[in-house]
N, C-alpha and C. Protein backbone atom coordinates (compact mmCIF):
# COMPACT_ATOMS: atom_id res chain seq x y z
N MET A 1 0.85 -1.18 0.00
CA MET A 1 0.00 0.00 0.00
C MET A 1 0.89 1.24 0.00
N GLU A 2 0.51 2.24 -0.76
CA GLU A 2 1.26 3.48 -0.80
C GLU A 2 0.53 4.55 0.00
N PHE A 3 1.26 5.17 0.91
CA PHE A 3 0.73 6.26 1.70
C PHE A 3 1.37 7.57 1.23
N ILE A 4 0.59 8.63 1.28
CA ILE A 4 1.15 9.97 1.05
C ILE A 4 1.44 10.56 2.43
N LEU A 5 2.65 11.08 2.58
CA LEU A 5 3.00 11.75 3.83
C LEU A 5 2.35 13.13 3.84
N ALA A 6 1.73 13.47 4.95
CA ALA A 6 1.08 14.77 5.07
C ALA A 6 2.14 15.84 5.31
N SER A 7 3.07 15.88 4.38
CA SER A 7 4.17 16.84 4.39
C SER A 7 4.92 16.67 3.08
N SER A 8 5.56 17.73 2.62
CA SER A 8 6.36 17.61 1.41
C SER A 8 7.84 17.39 1.77
N ASN A 9 8.11 17.13 3.05
CA ASN A 9 9.47 16.93 3.55
C ASN A 9 10.00 15.55 3.11
N GLU A 10 10.87 15.54 2.10
CA GLU A 10 11.40 14.28 1.58
C GLU A 10 12.23 13.54 2.63
N HIS A 11 12.96 14.28 3.47
CA HIS A 11 13.78 13.65 4.51
C HIS A 11 12.90 12.88 5.49
N LYS A 12 11.77 13.48 5.87
CA LYS A 12 10.87 12.81 6.81
C LYS A 12 10.28 11.54 6.18
N ALA A 13 9.95 11.61 4.89
CA ALA A 13 9.44 10.42 4.19
C ALA A 13 10.49 9.31 4.18
N GLU A 14 11.75 9.67 3.90
CA GLU A 14 12.84 8.68 3.90
C GLU A 14 12.99 8.06 5.29
N GLU A 15 12.97 8.90 6.32
CA GLU A 15 13.11 8.42 7.69
C GLU A 15 11.98 7.46 8.05
N LEU A 16 10.73 7.83 7.71
CA LEU A 16 9.60 6.96 8.03
C LEU A 16 9.67 5.65 7.26
N ASN A 17 10.08 5.69 6.00
CA ASN A 17 10.23 4.44 5.23
C ASN A 17 11.27 3.53 5.88
N GLU A 18 12.36 4.12 6.36
CA GLU A 18 13.40 3.33 7.01
C GLU A 18 12.91 2.76 8.33
N LEU A 19 12.21 3.58 9.12
CA LEU A 19 11.74 3.14 10.43
C LEU A 19 10.60 2.13 10.33
N LEU A 20 9.70 2.35 9.36
CA LEU A 20 8.55 1.46 9.25
C LEU A 20 8.93 0.14 8.58
N ASN A 21 9.56 0.22 7.43
CA ASN A 21 10.06 -0.98 6.75
C ASN A 21 9.02 -2.11 6.78
N ILE A 22 7.79 -1.80 6.37
CA ILE A 22 6.71 -2.80 6.31
C ILE A 22 6.64 -3.29 4.87
N SER A 23 6.75 -4.58 4.69
CA SER A 23 6.74 -5.16 3.35
C SER A 23 5.51 -4.72 2.57
N GLY A 24 5.74 -4.22 1.36
CA GLY A 24 4.64 -3.81 0.49
C GLY A 24 4.07 -2.45 0.79
N THR A 25 4.70 -1.71 1.73
CA THR A 25 4.21 -0.39 2.09
C THR A 25 5.28 0.66 1.82
N THR A 26 4.90 1.73 1.17
CA THR A 26 5.84 2.84 0.96
C THR A 26 5.15 4.15 1.33
N ILE A 27 5.97 5.11 1.70
CA ILE A 27 5.47 6.44 2.04
C ILE A 27 6.13 7.43 1.10
N GLN A 28 5.31 8.18 0.39
CA GLN A 28 5.80 9.17 -0.56
C GLN A 28 5.52 10.57 -0.01
N PRO A 29 6.49 11.48 -0.14
CA PRO A 29 6.19 12.86 0.27
C PRO A 29 5.11 13.44 -0.65
N SER A 30 4.30 14.31 -0.09
CA SER A 30 3.27 14.95 -0.89
C SER A 30 3.92 15.80 -1.99
N LYS A 31 3.28 15.81 -3.15
CA LYS A 31 3.80 16.62 -4.27
C LYS A 31 3.67 18.11 -3.99
N ARG A 32 2.75 18.46 -3.10
CA ARG A 32 2.63 19.85 -2.71
C ARG A 32 2.11 19.94 -1.28
N LYS A 33 2.48 21.03 -0.66
CA LYS A 33 2.12 21.27 0.74
C LYS A 33 0.71 21.86 0.81
N ILE A 34 -0.04 21.38 1.78
CA ILE A 34 -1.38 21.92 2.04
C ILE A 34 -1.31 22.63 3.39
N ASP A 35 -1.86 23.81 3.46
CA ASP A 35 -1.90 24.51 4.75
C ASP A 35 -3.02 23.93 5.61
N VAL A 36 -2.63 23.37 6.74
CA VAL A 36 -3.60 22.78 7.66
C VAL A 36 -3.49 23.56 8.97
N VAL A 37 -4.61 24.05 9.45
CA VAL A 37 -4.62 24.77 10.72
C VAL A 37 -4.55 23.74 11.85
N GLU A 38 -3.42 23.75 12.56
CA GLU A 38 -3.22 22.79 13.65
C GLU A 38 -3.75 23.38 14.95
N ASP A 39 -5.07 23.38 15.07
CA ASP A 39 -5.69 23.99 16.25
C ASP A 39 -6.27 22.95 17.20
N GLY A 40 -5.82 21.70 17.05
CA GLY A 40 -6.25 20.66 17.99
C GLY A 40 -5.65 20.90 19.36
N SER A 41 -6.21 20.26 20.37
CA SER A 41 -5.70 20.46 21.73
C SER A 41 -4.70 19.37 22.13
N THR A 42 -4.48 18.39 21.25
CA THR A 42 -3.52 17.32 21.53
C THR A 42 -2.72 17.00 20.27
N PHE A 43 -1.59 16.29 20.44
CA PHE A 43 -0.81 15.83 19.30
C PHE A 43 -1.66 14.94 18.40
N GLN A 44 -2.47 14.07 19.03
CA GLN A 44 -3.31 13.14 18.28
C GLN A 44 -4.31 13.89 17.39
N GLU A 45 -4.96 14.91 17.93
CA GLU A 45 -5.92 15.69 17.13
C GLU A 45 -5.24 16.38 15.96
N ASN A 46 -4.05 16.93 16.17
CA ASN A 46 -3.35 17.61 15.08
C ASN A 46 -2.87 16.63 14.02
N ALA A 47 -2.40 15.44 14.44
CA ALA A 47 -2.00 14.42 13.45
C ALA A 47 -3.21 14.02 12.60
N LEU A 48 -4.37 13.86 13.24
CA LEU A 48 -5.59 13.51 12.50
C LEU A 48 -5.98 14.62 11.52
N LYS A 49 -5.93 15.86 11.96
CA LYS A 49 -6.29 16.99 11.09
C LYS A 49 -5.42 16.99 9.82
N LYS A 50 -4.11 16.78 9.99
CA LYS A 50 -3.21 16.77 8.84
C LYS A 50 -3.50 15.58 7.93
N ALA A 51 -3.62 14.39 8.52
CA ALA A 51 -3.86 13.19 7.71
C ALA A 51 -5.18 13.30 6.95
N GLN A 52 -6.21 13.77 7.61
CA GLN A 52 -7.53 13.90 6.98
C GLN A 52 -7.50 14.92 5.85
N ALA A 53 -6.84 16.04 6.05
CA ALA A 53 -6.77 17.08 5.01
C ALA A 53 -6.06 16.56 3.76
N TYR A 54 -4.96 15.85 3.94
CA TYR A 54 -4.23 15.31 2.79
C TYR A 54 -5.02 14.18 2.12
N TYR A 55 -5.71 13.37 2.92
CA TYR A 55 -6.55 12.31 2.35
C TYR A 55 -7.66 12.94 1.49
N ASN A 56 -8.32 13.95 2.02
CA ASN A 56 -9.41 14.60 1.29
C ASN A 56 -8.91 15.26 0.00
N GLU A 57 -7.69 15.79 0.04
CA GLU A 57 -7.14 16.47 -1.14
C GLU A 57 -6.69 15.48 -2.22
N PHE A 58 -6.01 14.40 -1.81
CA PHE A 58 -5.40 13.50 -2.79
C PHE A 58 -6.16 12.18 -2.98
N LYS A 59 -7.17 11.92 -2.16
CA LYS A 59 -7.97 10.69 -2.26
C LYS A 59 -7.07 9.45 -2.24
N ASN A 60 -6.12 9.48 -1.29
CA ASN A 60 -5.13 8.41 -1.18
C ASN A 60 -4.85 8.20 0.31
N PRO A 61 -4.59 6.97 0.76
CA PRO A 61 -4.22 6.79 2.17
C PRO A 61 -3.05 7.71 2.54
N THR A 62 -3.12 8.26 3.75
CA THR A 62 -2.09 9.20 4.19
C THR A 62 -1.55 8.80 5.56
N VAL A 63 -0.37 9.30 5.84
CA VAL A 63 0.20 9.17 7.18
C VAL A 63 0.69 10.56 7.59
N ALA A 64 0.39 10.91 8.84
CA ALA A 64 0.81 12.20 9.37
C ALA A 64 1.37 11.99 10.76
N ASP A 65 2.26 12.89 11.16
CA ASP A 65 2.72 12.83 12.54
C ASP A 65 2.63 14.21 13.15
N ASP A 66 2.47 14.22 14.45
CA ASP A 66 2.58 15.46 15.20
C ASP A 66 3.38 15.12 16.43
N SER A 67 4.34 15.96 16.73
CA SER A 67 5.22 15.65 17.85
C SER A 67 5.70 16.93 18.50
N GLY A 68 6.28 16.78 19.68
CA GLY A 68 6.80 17.93 20.39
C GLY A 68 7.40 17.54 21.72
N LEU A 69 7.88 18.53 22.40
CA LEU A 69 8.53 18.37 23.69
C LEU A 69 7.56 18.81 24.78
N VAL A 70 7.44 18.00 25.83
CA VAL A 70 6.51 18.29 26.92
C VAL A 70 7.29 18.37 28.23
N ILE A 71 7.07 19.44 28.97
CA ILE A 71 7.62 19.59 30.32
C ILE A 71 6.42 19.61 31.26
N PRO A 72 6.12 18.50 31.95
CA PRO A 72 4.92 18.45 32.80
C PRO A 72 4.84 19.58 33.84
N ALA A 73 5.99 20.05 34.33
CA ALA A 73 5.97 21.13 35.32
C ALA A 73 5.65 22.49 34.70
N ARG A 74 5.69 22.55 33.37
CA ARG A 74 5.40 23.81 32.65
C ARG A 74 4.52 23.51 31.44
N THR A 75 3.28 23.13 31.71
CA THR A 75 2.37 22.80 30.61
C THR A 75 1.92 24.03 29.83
N ASP A 76 2.31 25.23 30.29
CA ASP A 76 1.93 26.45 29.59
C ASP A 76 2.83 26.74 28.39
N ILE A 77 3.91 25.99 28.24
CA ILE A 77 4.82 26.19 27.10
C ILE A 77 5.05 24.86 26.40
N LEU A 78 5.57 24.92 25.21
CA LEU A 78 5.92 23.74 24.39
C LEU A 78 4.70 22.87 24.12
N GLY A 79 4.80 21.56 24.32
CA GLY A 79 3.70 20.66 23.98
C GLY A 79 3.34 20.79 22.51
N ILE A 80 2.05 20.95 22.23
CA ILE A 80 1.61 21.06 20.83
C ILE A 80 2.10 22.34 20.17
N TYR A 81 2.64 23.25 20.98
CA TYR A 81 3.16 24.52 20.45
C TYR A 81 4.69 24.52 20.34
N SER A 82 5.32 23.34 20.43
CA SER A 82 6.78 23.25 20.45
C SER A 82 7.43 23.98 19.28
N ALA A 83 6.91 23.79 18.08
CA ALA A 83 7.50 24.42 16.89
C ALA A 83 7.25 25.93 16.87
N ARG A 84 6.25 26.35 17.63
CA ARG A 84 5.88 27.77 17.63
C ARG A 84 6.37 28.51 18.88
N TYR A 85 7.14 27.81 19.71
CA TYR A 85 7.67 28.42 20.93
C TYR A 85 8.68 29.52 20.56
N ALA A 86 8.69 30.59 21.31
CA ALA A 86 9.62 31.71 21.13
C ALA A 86 9.71 32.14 19.66
N PRO A 87 8.57 32.58 19.08
CA PRO A 87 8.56 32.94 17.66
C PRO A 87 9.46 34.11 17.30
N GLU A 88 9.90 34.86 18.30
CA GLU A 88 10.80 35.97 18.03
C GLU A 88 12.20 35.49 17.63
N HIS A 89 12.47 34.21 17.88
CA HIS A 89 13.76 33.62 17.52
C HIS A 89 13.60 32.71 16.30
N GLU A 90 14.45 32.90 15.31
CA GLU A 90 14.38 32.06 14.11
C GLU A 90 15.12 30.75 14.29
N SER A 91 16.28 30.78 14.94
CA SER A 91 17.10 29.56 15.05
C SER A 91 16.73 28.78 16.30
N TYR A 92 16.91 27.46 16.21
CA TYR A 92 16.64 26.63 17.39
C TYR A 92 17.72 26.82 18.45
N THR A 93 18.90 27.26 18.06
CA THR A 93 19.91 27.58 19.08
C THR A 93 19.36 28.67 19.99
N ASP A 94 18.77 29.70 19.39
CA ASP A 94 18.19 30.79 20.19
C ASP A 94 16.95 30.34 20.95
N LYS A 95 16.12 29.49 20.33
CA LYS A 95 14.94 28.98 21.02
C LYS A 95 15.35 28.14 22.23
N ASN A 96 16.41 27.31 22.06
CA ASN A 96 16.89 26.50 23.17
C ASN A 96 17.40 27.37 24.32
N GLN A 97 18.14 28.43 23.97
CA GLN A 97 18.63 29.35 25.01
C GLN A 97 17.45 30.03 25.72
N ALA A 98 16.43 30.41 24.95
CA ALA A 98 15.24 31.04 25.55
C ALA A 98 14.54 30.07 26.49
N LEU A 99 14.46 28.79 26.09
CA LEU A 99 13.80 27.79 26.93
C LEU A 99 14.58 27.57 28.22
N ILE A 100 15.90 27.47 28.12
CA ILE A 100 16.72 27.30 29.33
C ILE A 100 16.45 28.45 30.30
N LYS A 101 16.40 29.65 29.77
CA LYS A 101 16.13 30.82 30.61
C LYS A 101 14.71 30.77 31.17
N ASP A 102 13.75 30.36 30.33
CA ASP A 102 12.34 30.32 30.72
C ASP A 102 12.08 29.34 31.87
N ILE A 103 12.86 28.28 31.95
CA ILE A 103 12.63 27.27 33.01
C ILE A 103 13.75 27.28 34.05
N SER A 104 14.50 28.36 34.13
CA SER A 104 15.63 28.43 35.05
C SER A 104 15.23 28.23 36.52
N GLU A 105 13.97 28.53 36.84
CA GLU A 105 13.52 28.35 38.23
C GLU A 105 13.21 26.89 38.56
N LEU A 106 13.15 26.03 37.56
CA LEU A 106 12.85 24.62 37.80
C LEU A 106 14.13 23.88 38.21
N SER A 107 13.98 22.93 39.14
CA SER A 107 15.13 22.13 39.55
C SER A 107 14.71 20.68 39.77
N GLY A 108 15.68 19.80 39.80
CA GLY A 108 15.42 18.38 40.06
C GLY A 108 14.39 17.80 39.12
N GLU A 109 13.40 17.10 39.69
CA GLU A 109 12.37 16.41 38.89
C GLU A 109 11.48 17.38 38.11
N GLU A 110 11.47 18.64 38.51
CA GLU A 110 10.67 19.63 37.77
C GLU A 110 11.19 19.80 36.33
N ARG A 111 12.45 19.40 36.11
CA ARG A 111 13.05 19.53 34.77
C ARG A 111 12.80 18.28 33.91
N ASN A 112 12.07 17.31 34.47
CA ASN A 112 11.72 16.12 33.69
C ASN A 112 10.90 16.54 32.47
N ALA A 113 11.12 15.83 31.38
CA ALA A 113 10.42 16.15 30.13
C ALA A 113 10.32 14.89 29.28
N TYR A 114 9.53 14.97 28.23
CA TYR A 114 9.50 13.87 27.27
C TYR A 114 9.14 14.40 25.89
N PHE A 115 9.71 13.73 24.89
CA PHE A 115 9.30 13.97 23.52
C PHE A 115 8.18 12.99 23.21
N ALA A 116 7.12 13.47 22.57
CA ALA A 116 6.00 12.61 22.18
C ALA A 116 5.80 12.71 20.68
N CYS A 117 5.42 11.59 20.08
CA CYS A 117 5.08 11.55 18.65
C CYS A 117 3.80 10.75 18.49
N TYR A 118 2.87 11.30 17.75
CA TYR A 118 1.67 10.57 17.36
C TYR A 118 1.68 10.41 15.85
N LEU A 119 1.58 9.17 15.40
CA LEU A 119 1.42 8.88 13.98
C LEU A 119 -0.04 8.57 13.72
N CYS A 120 -0.57 9.10 12.64
CA CYS A 120 -1.94 8.80 12.22
C CYS A 120 -1.89 8.20 10.83
N PHE A 121 -2.34 6.96 10.71
CA PHE A 121 -2.48 6.31 9.41
C PHE A 121 -3.95 6.41 9.01
N TYR A 122 -4.22 7.20 8.00
CA TYR A 122 -5.58 7.47 7.55
C TYR A 122 -5.79 6.72 6.24
N ILE A 123 -6.33 5.51 6.36
CA ILE A 123 -6.52 4.66 5.18
C ILE A 123 -7.82 5.04 4.46
N SER A 124 -8.84 5.34 5.26
CA SER A 124 -10.12 5.82 4.75
C SER A 124 -10.85 6.44 5.95
N PRO A 125 -11.97 7.15 5.71
CA PRO A 125 -12.69 7.71 6.86
C PRO A 125 -13.16 6.66 7.87
N GLU A 126 -13.26 5.41 7.41
CA GLU A 126 -13.70 4.33 8.31
C GLU A 126 -12.53 3.57 8.92
N GLU A 127 -11.31 3.83 8.47
CA GLU A 127 -10.15 3.05 8.94
C GLU A 127 -8.99 4.01 9.24
N ILE A 128 -8.89 4.36 10.52
CA ILE A 128 -7.88 5.32 10.99
C ILE A 128 -7.17 4.70 12.19
N TYR A 129 -5.84 4.74 12.18
CA TYR A 129 -5.05 4.15 13.26
C TYR A 129 -4.07 5.18 13.82
N PHE A 130 -3.89 5.14 15.15
CA PHE A 130 -2.95 6.03 15.82
C PHE A 130 -1.90 5.21 16.56
N PHE A 131 -0.67 5.71 16.57
CA PHE A 131 0.42 5.07 17.30
C PHE A 131 1.22 6.16 18.00
N GLU A 132 1.54 5.91 19.28
CA GLU A 132 2.27 6.90 20.07
C GLU A 132 3.64 6.37 20.44
N GLY A 133 4.61 7.27 20.48
CA GLY A 133 5.94 6.95 20.98
C GLY A 133 6.41 8.08 21.88
N ARG A 134 7.12 7.72 22.94
CA ARG A 134 7.67 8.73 23.85
C ARG A 134 9.10 8.36 24.22
N VAL A 135 9.89 9.37 24.47
CA VAL A 135 11.22 9.17 25.06
C VAL A 135 11.33 10.17 26.21
N HIS A 136 11.67 9.64 27.40
CA HIS A 136 11.70 10.45 28.61
C HIS A 136 13.12 10.90 28.94
N GLY A 137 13.22 12.04 29.60
CA GLY A 137 14.52 12.56 30.00
C GLY A 137 14.36 13.83 30.81
N VAL A 138 15.40 14.66 30.77
CA VAL A 138 15.37 15.93 31.49
C VAL A 138 15.91 17.04 30.57
N ILE A 139 15.57 18.27 30.91
CA ILE A 139 16.06 19.42 30.17
C ILE A 139 17.37 19.88 30.82
N ALA A 140 18.41 19.97 30.01
CA ALA A 140 19.73 20.40 30.49
C ALA A 140 19.74 21.90 30.72
N SER A 141 20.80 22.38 31.36
CA SER A 141 20.93 23.82 31.58
C SER A 141 21.86 24.46 30.57
N GLU A 142 22.34 23.65 29.60
CA GLU A 142 23.18 24.18 28.51
C GLU A 142 23.04 23.29 27.29
N LEU A 143 23.34 23.83 26.13
CA LEU A 143 23.29 23.07 24.89
C LEU A 143 24.50 22.15 24.81
N LYS A 144 24.27 20.91 24.34
CA LYS A 144 25.36 19.94 24.21
C LYS A 144 25.22 19.20 22.88
N GLY A 145 26.28 19.14 22.10
CA GLY A 145 26.28 18.38 20.86
C GLY A 145 25.84 19.19 19.67
N ASP A 146 26.22 18.72 18.49
CA ASP A 146 25.86 19.45 17.27
C ASP A 146 25.12 18.59 16.25
N GLY A 147 24.65 17.41 16.68
CA GLY A 147 23.83 16.58 15.80
C GLY A 147 22.36 16.87 16.04
N GLY A 148 21.51 16.17 15.33
CA GLY A 148 20.07 16.32 15.54
C GLY A 148 19.57 17.69 15.12
N PHE A 149 18.42 18.06 15.66
CA PHE A 149 17.79 19.33 15.31
C PHE A 149 16.82 19.71 16.42
N GLY A 150 16.23 20.87 16.30
CA GLY A 150 15.22 21.29 17.27
C GLY A 150 15.77 21.38 18.69
N TYR A 151 15.08 20.71 19.62
CA TYR A 151 15.45 20.76 21.03
C TYR A 151 16.43 19.66 21.43
N ASP A 152 16.95 18.91 20.48
CA ASP A 152 17.88 17.80 20.78
C ASP A 152 19.06 18.22 21.66
N PRO A 153 19.68 19.40 21.45
CA PRO A 153 20.86 19.74 22.25
C PRO A 153 20.61 19.97 23.74
N ILE A 154 19.34 20.16 24.14
CA ILE A 154 19.08 20.39 25.57
C ILE A 154 18.28 19.25 26.20
N PHE A 155 18.02 18.20 25.44
CA PHE A 155 17.25 17.07 25.97
C PHE A 155 18.18 15.91 26.27
N LEU A 156 18.22 15.50 27.55
CA LEU A 156 19.08 14.40 27.99
C LEU A 156 18.21 13.18 28.26
N PRO A 157 18.18 12.21 27.32
CA PRO A 157 17.32 11.05 27.53
C PRO A 157 17.78 10.17 28.69
N GLU A 158 16.82 9.54 29.34
CA GLU A 158 17.12 8.64 30.46
C GLU A 158 18.09 7.54 30.04
N GLY A 159 19.00 7.22 30.95
CA GLY A 159 19.90 6.09 30.74
C GLY A 159 21.02 6.32 29.74
N GLN A 160 21.29 7.56 29.37
CA GLN A 160 22.32 7.84 28.38
C GLN A 160 23.47 8.66 28.94
N SER A 161 23.76 8.50 30.23
CA SER A 161 24.93 9.10 30.89
C SER A 161 25.04 10.60 30.69
N GLY A 162 23.91 11.30 30.69
CA GLY A 162 23.94 12.75 30.60
C GLY A 162 24.23 13.31 29.23
N LYS A 163 24.22 12.45 28.21
CA LYS A 163 24.42 12.94 26.84
C LYS A 163 23.09 13.44 26.29
N SER A 164 23.18 14.44 25.42
CA SER A 164 21.97 14.99 24.80
C SER A 164 21.62 14.20 23.55
N LEU A 165 20.39 14.35 23.08
CA LEU A 165 20.00 13.71 21.82
C LEU A 165 20.89 14.17 20.67
N ALA A 166 21.41 15.39 20.76
CA ALA A 166 22.29 15.92 19.71
C ALA A 166 23.64 15.21 19.69
N GLU A 167 23.94 14.43 20.74
CA GLU A 167 25.18 13.66 20.80
C GLU A 167 24.94 12.17 20.56
N LEU A 168 23.69 11.81 20.29
CA LEU A 168 23.31 10.39 20.23
C LEU A 168 22.59 10.04 18.93
N SER A 169 23.12 10.46 17.81
CA SER A 169 22.43 10.27 16.52
C SER A 169 22.06 8.82 16.26
N GLU A 170 23.00 7.90 16.48
CA GLU A 170 22.73 6.49 16.21
C GLU A 170 21.67 5.95 17.17
N TRP A 171 21.80 6.27 18.46
CA TRP A 171 20.83 5.83 19.47
C TRP A 171 19.45 6.38 19.14
N LYS A 172 19.41 7.65 18.73
CA LYS A 172 18.14 8.32 18.44
C LYS A 172 17.38 7.62 17.32
N MET A 173 18.10 7.14 16.31
CA MET A 173 17.44 6.52 15.15
C MET A 173 16.58 5.33 15.56
N THR A 174 16.97 4.61 16.60
CA THR A 174 16.19 3.44 17.00
C THR A 174 15.41 3.62 18.30
N ASN A 175 15.65 4.73 19.02
CA ASN A 175 15.01 4.90 20.33
C ASN A 175 14.22 6.19 20.49
N SER A 176 14.13 7.00 19.45
CA SER A 176 13.41 8.27 19.56
C SER A 176 11.91 8.04 19.69
N HIS A 177 11.19 9.11 20.00
CA HIS A 177 9.73 9.05 20.08
C HIS A 177 9.13 8.62 18.73
N ARG A 178 9.69 9.12 17.62
CA ARG A 178 9.18 8.74 16.30
C ARG A 178 9.49 7.26 16.02
N ALA A 179 10.70 6.82 16.39
CA ALA A 179 11.07 5.41 16.20
C ALA A 179 10.14 4.49 16.99
N LYS A 180 9.80 4.89 18.21
CA LYS A 180 8.92 4.06 19.04
C LYS A 180 7.50 4.01 18.47
N ALA A 181 7.00 5.14 17.96
CA ALA A 181 5.68 5.15 17.34
C ALA A 181 5.69 4.25 16.10
N CYS A 182 6.77 4.31 15.34
CA CYS A 182 6.88 3.47 14.14
C CYS A 182 6.93 1.99 14.50
N LYS A 183 7.67 1.65 15.57
CA LYS A 183 7.75 0.25 16.00
C LYS A 183 6.36 -0.27 16.36
N ALA A 184 5.56 0.57 17.05
CA ALA A 184 4.19 0.16 17.40
C ALA A 184 3.36 -0.05 16.14
N ALA A 185 3.54 0.80 15.14
CA ALA A 185 2.79 0.66 13.89
C ALA A 185 3.20 -0.61 13.16
N VAL A 186 4.50 -0.90 13.09
CA VAL A 186 4.99 -2.10 12.42
C VAL A 186 4.41 -3.34 13.09
N LYS A 187 4.47 -3.38 14.42
CA LYS A 187 3.94 -4.53 15.17
C LYS A 187 2.46 -4.74 14.84
N PHE A 188 1.70 -3.65 14.81
CA PHE A 188 0.27 -3.75 14.52
C PHE A 188 0.02 -4.21 13.10
N PHE A 189 0.63 -3.55 12.11
CA PHE A 189 0.34 -3.86 10.71
C PHE A 189 0.87 -5.24 10.32
N GLN A 190 1.99 -5.66 10.87
CA GLN A 190 2.49 -7.01 10.56
C GLN A 190 1.58 -8.07 11.17
N GLY A 191 0.95 -7.74 12.30
CA GLY A 191 0.00 -8.65 12.92
C GLY A 191 -1.29 -8.78 12.13
N GLN A 192 -1.55 -7.80 11.25
CA GLN A 192 -2.75 -7.80 10.41
C GLN A 192 -2.60 -8.78 9.24
N ASN A 193 -1.35 -9.07 8.85
CA ASN A 193 -1.12 -9.91 7.66
C ASN A 193 -1.28 -11.38 7.98
């Protein structure tokens, strides 16, 4: 089955094809971007909105993801607004510095955080599947590493000796929130065959 990715990002399509690796299934980036208002209150709602919009436009099964960084002690920032945090800053280096400053009053367990990813496979209006992946850790007080993207340099995943996601490219490929959501999808779809 061929899915259209609810994004024109070729790199994301390549990554999902590698992570999913389901026999007979491919994910193609959309030939054009559709503006979808992501006004859902959860990652799951926003993933559905994107998948549904692309399905309605192209009349083809779609897959969409919505993901972000969550700090339970500060639910007023990040979460579904992760990509829109600190809009006055263009670079993620500046956004990361702003976030470190924004949560400087937090200490210990208050700095716990997790990355969440929701995948939505929209096969038809009657057949929609969701898969979630999370990776838990803490927010560092400084940027570390030059790999990855987004908030990777300030996120220290559990059990990785204080290294940031930006220092763990190989580990991230198989243990990230997106990788975990994909593993859940593979397990489900392979069980269907």
